[in-house]
Amino acid sequence: MTPRALGTIVLLLLSNVFMTWAWYGHLKKAAWSIPVAVLISWLIALPEYALQVPANRLGHFQHGGPFTAPQLKVLQEAITLVVFAGFSTLVLKERLRVTDAVAFALIFAGVAVAMLGRKP
């Protein structure tokens, strides 16, 4: 794996930690009103963009990276699922069901297919 590919993956992983917390962390805060949840979630999501944009620039082939835009998108979705699975289990205390695991596996299969495309 090239340093640019690894850097892209690390940045995508970090950005997804912020975004997952922003999207689902408020579920643990029943006392928050919806406007408060939206505002706090937006503030948590802001650093996600500071990581996501460089990840895509670093990873995209037009900027010297190894990936096409569709490859970056499916890679990001797979990373999102990994982060979400951990968050769901550790923070929300919701175990994944067998059907969830099957759905995730199908998405990972899609990532594998997408990576068969353009080579660096």
Protein backbone atom coordinates (compact mmCIF):
# COMPACT_ATOMS: atom_id res chain seq x y z
CA MET A 1 0.00 0.00 0.00
CA THR A 2 1.35 3.39 -0.98
CA PRO A 3 1.84 6.17 1.59
CA ARG A 4 -0.85 8.26 -0.16
CA ALA A 5 -3.33 5.37 0.01
CA LEU A 6 -2.55 4.79 3.69
CA GLY A 7 -2.79 8.53 4.46
CA THR A 8 -6.14 8.68 2.66
CA ILE A 9 -7.48 5.74 4.66
CA VAL A 10 -6.28 7.18 8.00
CA LEU A 11 -7.85 10.58 7.26
CA LEU A 12 -11.11 8.91 6.16
CA LEU A 13 -11.12 6.82 9.34
CA LEU A 14 -10.63 9.89 11.55
CA SER A 15 -13.24 11.91 9.66
CA ASN A 16 -15.75 9.10 10.05
CA VAL A 17 -15.24 9.00 13.80
CA PHE A 18 -16.36 12.63 13.98
CA MET A 19 -19.25 12.17 11.56
CA THR A 20 -20.55 9.03 13.25
CA TRP A 21 -20.47 10.79 16.61
CA ALA A 22 -22.27 13.80 15.10
CA TRP A 23 -24.95 11.67 13.42
CA TYR A 24 -25.62 9.19 16.23
CA GLY A 25 -24.09 10.46 19.49
CA HIS A 26 -27.13 12.61 20.26
CA LEU A 27 -29.22 9.44 20.54
CA LYS A 28 -27.71 9.01 24.01
CA LYS A 29 -28.90 12.51 24.99
CA ALA A 30 -32.68 12.19 25.29
CA ALA A 31 -32.92 15.49 27.19
CA TRP A 32 -31.57 17.49 24.25
CA SER A 33 -34.15 19.21 22.09
CA ILE A 34 -33.86 18.67 18.35
CA PRO A 35 -32.43 22.17 17.73
CA VAL A 36 -29.77 21.60 20.42
CA ALA A 37 -28.95 18.18 18.96
CA VAL A 38 -28.64 19.70 15.48
CA LEU A 39 -26.36 22.51 16.66
CA ILE A 40 -24.08 20.29 18.71
CA SER A 41 -23.98 17.67 15.96
CA TRP A 42 -23.07 20.35 13.43
CA LEU A 43 -20.20 21.53 15.63
CA ILE A 44 -18.95 17.94 15.99
CA ALA A 45 -19.22 17.42 12.22
CA LEU A 46 -17.19 20.52 11.37
CA PRO A 47 -13.81 18.82 12.00
CA GLU A 48 -15.00 15.94 9.81
CA TYR A 49 -14.83 18.23 6.78
CA ALA A 50 -11.34 19.34 7.74
CA LEU A 51 -10.29 15.69 7.48
CA GLN A 52 -12.54 14.46 4.65
CA VAL A 53 -11.54 17.10 2.09
CA PRO A 54 -7.77 16.48 2.47
CA ALA A 55 -8.39 12.73 2.39
CA ASN A 56 -10.14 13.00 -0.96
CA ARG A 57 -7.53 15.38 -2.38
CA LEU A 58 -4.67 13.17 -1.18
CA GLY A 59 -6.30 10.01 -2.51
CA HIS A 60 -7.63 11.21 -5.87
CA PHE A 61 -5.56 10.30 -8.93
CA GLN A 62 -5.72 13.85 -10.32
CA HIS A 63 -3.81 14.96 -7.24
CA GLY A 64 -1.28 12.12 -7.33
CA GLY A 65 -3.29 9.58 -5.36
CA PRO A 66 -4.20 6.02 -6.30
CA PHE A 67 -8.01 6.27 -6.35
CA THR A 68 -10.79 7.48 -8.63
CA ALA A 69 -13.67 9.47 -7.11
CA PRO A 70 -16.02 6.44 -7.14
CA GLN A 71 -13.32 4.34 -5.47
CA LEU A 72 -12.90 7.01 -2.80
CA LYS A 73 -16.65 7.01 -2.20
CA VAL A 74 -17.03 3.26 -1.75
CA LEU A 75 -13.88 3.16 0.39
CA GLN A 76 -15.37 5.90 2.58
CA GLU A 77 -18.62 3.92 2.89
CA ALA A 78 -16.76 0.79 4.00
CA ILE A 79 -14.81 2.78 6.58
CA THR A 80 -18.08 4.33 7.75
CA LEU A 81 -19.49 0.86 8.38
CA VAL A 82 -16.45 -0.22 10.39
CA VAL A 83 -16.58 2.94 12.53
CA PHE A 84 -20.36 2.67 12.91
CA ALA A 85 -20.19 -0.99 13.98
CA GLY A 86 -17.80 -0.07 16.78
CA PHE A 87 -19.83 2.99 17.76
CA SER A 88 -23.11 1.06 17.76
CA THR A 89 -21.65 -1.64 19.97
CA LEU A 90 -19.51 0.43 22.35
CA VAL A 91 -21.46 3.69 22.68
CA LEU A 92 -25.07 2.90 21.82
CA LYS A 93 -24.87 -0.61 23.32
CA GLU A 94 -26.67 -2.01 20.27
CA ARG A 95 -25.23 -5.26 18.98
CA LEU A 96 -25.24 -5.86 15.26
CA ARG A 97 -27.67 -8.49 14.05
CA VAL A 98 -26.78 -11.23 11.59
CA THR A 99 -28.74 -9.38 8.91
CA ASP A 100 -26.65 -6.26 9.60
CA ALA A 101 -23.45 -8.27 9.16
CA VAL A 102 -24.71 -9.72 5.88
CA ALA A 103 -25.64 -6.25 4.61
CA PHE A 104 -22.19 -4.92 5.59
CA ALA A 105 -20.52 -7.88 3.84
CA LEU A 106 -22.42 -7.08 0.65
CA ILE A 107 -21.22 -3.49 0.80
CA PHE A 108 -17.64 -4.68 1.37
CA ALA A 109 -18.04 -6.89 -1.70
CA GLY A 110 -19.00 -3.74 -3.61
CA VAL A 111 -15.82 -2.05 -2.38
CA ALA A 112 -13.77 -5.00 -3.64
CA VAL A 113 -15.43 -4.75 -7.05
CA ALA A 114 -14.83 -0.98 -7.19
CA MET A 115 -11.14 -1.43 -6.41
CA LEU A 116 -10.76 -3.68 -9.46
CA GLY A 117 -11.02 -0.56 -11.62
CA ARG A 118 -8.28 1.98 -12.17
CA LYS A 119 -4.80 1.00 -11.07
CA PRO A 120 -2.28 3.57 -9.89
